[in-house]
Amino acid sequence: MELIEFELNGRSEAVAANPDEPLLDLLRRQFHLFSVRESCGIGICGSCTVAVDGMQVSSCLMLAGQAAGRSIETVEILSEDGELHPIQLAFVEHNAFQCSYCTPGFLMATRELLAENPSPTEDEIREHLAGNICRCGSYLKIVEAVTDAAGRLAP
């Protein structure tokens, strides 16, 4: 066990943890962030997507020790004072989910996409979200929601 210090959703944290455990496990076990979900365990499904220093990362592949000194953000960072973020609202209004298991990962990937490209085309949306898998097949509605979210966030 080691003391690992990092920022989590804007708060400074210090936690005793095994530096070799997946960040996904640390976030779920220690911080009860169950929105960070494991599906494939090999970094190809996107269900465990978090932002590390502003870049999306599969938390099942990142070790807890690698979080030291970094800024980690989960989907919980999106809502503020109980109010849904425009990205979340767009997903809800477009019914861009069925079982919603993959939704937190899609929301985090969408957030990164729109930060990099505020007006993406449908092809750019599909390309950026290609690392996220929806087993229910809600892709058309997800693309619609991302397009709508881009419009909501436009200056």
Protein backbone atom coordinates (compact mmCIF):
# COMPACT_ATOMS: atom_id res chain seq x y z
CA MET A 1 0.00 0.00 0.00
CA GLU A 2 1.10 3.51 -0.84
CA LEU A 3 -0.33 6.95 -0.24
CA ILE A 4 -1.55 8.20 -3.61
CA GLU A 5 -2.44 11.89 -3.89
CA PHE A 6 -4.43 13.26 -6.80
CA GLU A 7 -7.32 15.52 -7.65
CA LEU A 8 -10.66 13.81 -8.11
CA ASN A 9 -13.53 15.80 -9.58
CA GLY A 10 -11.96 19.03 -8.35
CA ARG A 11 -11.13 17.83 -4.82
CA SER A 12 -7.70 16.95 -3.48
CA GLU A 13 -7.59 13.34 -2.35
CA ALA A 14 -5.00 11.18 -0.60
CA VAL A 15 -5.71 7.48 -0.32
CA ALA A 16 -3.76 4.43 0.76
CA ALA A 17 -3.96 2.01 -2.14
CA ASN A 18 -2.08 -0.64 -4.04
CA PRO A 19 -0.38 1.33 -6.84
CA ASP A 20 -0.70 -1.71 -9.14
CA GLU A 21 -4.49 -1.98 -8.94
CA PRO A 22 -6.53 -0.59 -11.83
CA LEU A 23 -7.71 2.98 -11.33
CA LEU A 24 -11.22 1.71 -12.11
CA ASP A 25 -11.15 -0.51 -9.01
CA LEU A 26 -9.80 2.28 -6.81
CA LEU A 27 -12.51 4.71 -7.94
CA ARG A 28 -15.27 2.19 -7.31
CA ARG A 29 -13.95 0.71 -4.04
CA GLN A 30 -12.58 3.77 -2.30
CA PHE A 31 -14.78 6.56 -3.68
CA HIS A 32 -17.98 4.65 -4.54
CA LEU A 33 -17.98 6.07 -8.08
CA PHE A 34 -20.05 3.32 -9.64
CA SER A 35 -20.54 5.31 -12.84
CA VAL A 36 -17.05 4.11 -13.75
CA ARG A 37 -17.97 0.68 -15.07
CA GLU A 38 -16.04 -2.35 -16.17
CA SER A 39 -17.26 -4.24 -19.16
CA CYS A 40 -14.38 -5.56 -21.25
CA GLY A 41 -11.44 -5.04 -18.88
CA ILE A 42 -9.07 -4.53 -21.84
CA GLY A 43 -9.73 -0.91 -22.82
CA ILE A 44 -11.87 -1.37 -25.92
CA CYS A 45 -15.46 -0.73 -24.76
CA GLY A 46 -15.29 2.76 -23.21
CA SER A 47 -17.51 1.94 -20.21
CA CYS A 48 -14.77 2.91 -17.77
CA THR A 49 -13.84 6.19 -19.48
CA VAL A 50 -12.56 8.95 -17.21
CA ALA A 51 -10.68 12.16 -17.99
CA VAL A 52 -7.07 12.28 -16.83
CA ASP A 53 -5.59 15.75 -17.12
CA GLY A 54 -8.37 16.50 -19.61
CA MET A 55 -7.79 13.48 -21.87
CA GLN A 56 -10.09 10.47 -21.98
CA VAL A 57 -8.55 7.29 -20.58
CA SER A 58 -9.78 3.75 -20.03
CA SER A 59 -9.53 3.47 -16.25
CA CYS A 60 -9.35 -0.33 -16.49
CA LEU A 61 -5.92 0.07 -18.15
CA MET A 62 -4.51 2.83 -15.93
CA LEU A 63 -2.91 1.84 -12.66
CA ALA A 64 -3.85 3.66 -9.46
CA GLY A 65 -0.21 4.67 -8.94
CA GLN A 66 -0.28 6.48 -12.29
CA ALA A 67 -2.96 8.82 -10.89
CA ALA A 68 -0.47 10.41 -8.47
CA GLY A 69 -0.30 14.16 -9.03
CA ARG A 70 -2.92 14.06 -11.79
CA SER A 71 -6.43 15.40 -12.22
CA ILE A 72 -9.03 12.64 -12.56
CA GLU A 73 -12.60 13.44 -13.58
CA THR A 74 -15.57 11.11 -13.75
CA VAL A 75 -19.02 11.77 -15.18
CA GLU A 76 -20.05 13.20 -11.81
CA ILE A 77 -18.10 16.35 -12.73
CA LEU A 78 -20.73 17.21 -15.35
CA SER A 79 -23.72 18.03 -13.16
CA GLU A 80 -23.53 21.05 -10.93
CA ASP A 81 -25.73 21.71 -7.90
CA GLY A 82 -28.07 18.93 -9.02
CA GLU A 83 -28.52 20.44 -12.48
CA LEU A 84 -27.77 18.30 -15.50
CA HIS A 85 -25.06 19.45 -17.89
CA PRO A 86 -26.25 20.31 -21.44
CA ILE A 87 -24.62 17.09 -22.70
CA GLN A 88 -26.59 15.05 -20.17
CA LEU A 89 -29.81 16.89 -21.05
CA ALA A 90 -29.30 16.17 -24.74
CA PHE A 91 -28.80 12.45 -24.02
CA VAL A 92 -31.97 12.37 -21.92
CA GLU A 93 -34.08 14.32 -24.42
CA HIS A 94 -32.92 12.15 -27.34
CA ASN A 95 -33.29 8.89 -25.38
CA ALA A 96 -29.68 8.17 -26.30
CA PHE A 97 -29.49 5.07 -24.13
CA GLN A 98 -31.42 1.95 -23.33
CA CYS A 99 -29.79 0.09 -20.46
CA SER A 100 -27.47 3.11 -19.83
CA TYR A 101 -24.51 0.95 -18.81
CA CYS A 102 -22.32 2.64 -21.43
CA THR A 103 -23.76 6.14 -20.98
CA PRO A 104 -21.19 7.57 -18.53
CA GLY A 105 -18.38 6.63 -20.91
CA PHE A 106 -20.21 8.16 -23.87
CA LEU A 107 -20.83 11.35 -21.87
CA MET A 108 -17.14 11.68 -20.99
CA ALA A 109 -16.08 11.01 -24.59
CA THR A 110 -18.63 13.57 -25.81
CA ARG A 111 -17.31 16.13 -23.36
CA GLU A 112 -13.78 15.68 -24.69
CA LEU A 113 -14.95 15.80 -28.32
CA LEU A 114 -16.89 19.03 -27.86
CA ALA A 115 -14.00 20.64 -25.97
CA GLU A 116 -11.72 19.87 -28.93
CA ASN A 117 -14.27 20.44 -31.70
CA PRO A 118 -17.35 22.49 -30.75
CA SER A 119 -19.08 21.87 -34.12
CA PRO A 120 -18.32 18.29 -35.16
CA THR A 121 -19.85 16.67 -38.21
CA GLU A 122 -21.69 13.38 -37.84
CA ASP A 123 -18.64 11.58 -39.25
CA GLU A 124 -16.37 13.29 -36.71
CA ILE A 125 -18.76 12.33 -33.91
CA ARG A 126 -18.80 8.70 -35.03
CA GLU A 127 -15.01 8.65 -35.36
CA HIS A 128 -14.42 10.13 -31.90
CA LEU A 129 -16.94 7.83 -30.23
CA ALA A 130 -15.67 4.71 -32.01
CA GLY A 131 -13.90 3.64 -28.81
CA ASN A 132 -17.20 3.40 -26.95
CA ILE A 133 -19.48 0.41 -27.43
CA CYS A 134 -23.24 0.42 -26.86
CA ARG A 135 -24.44 -3.14 -26.73
CA CYS A 136 -28.07 -1.96 -27.04
CA GLY A 137 -27.33 -0.25 -30.35
CA SER A 138 -28.39 3.31 -29.52
CA TYR A 139 -25.80 4.80 -31.87
CA LEU A 140 -28.19 6.87 -34.02
CA LYS A 141 -29.73 8.51 -30.97
CA ILE A 142 -26.28 9.05 -29.43
CA VAL A 143 -25.12 10.89 -32.57
CA GLU A 144 -28.31 12.98 -32.48
CA ALA A 145 -27.69 13.80 -28.80
CA VAL A 146 -24.08 14.82 -29.41
CA THR A 147 -25.14 17.04 -32.31
CA ASP A 148 -27.78 18.63 -30.09
CA ALA A 149 -25.30 19.07 -27.20
CA ALA A 150 -22.89 20.84 -29.56
CA GLY A 151 -25.66 23.30 -30.41
CA ARG A 152 -26.53 23.82 -26.75
CA LEU A 153 -22.90 24.56 -25.87
CA ALA A 154 -22.21 26.80 -28.88
CA PRO A 155 -21.21 30.34 -27.91
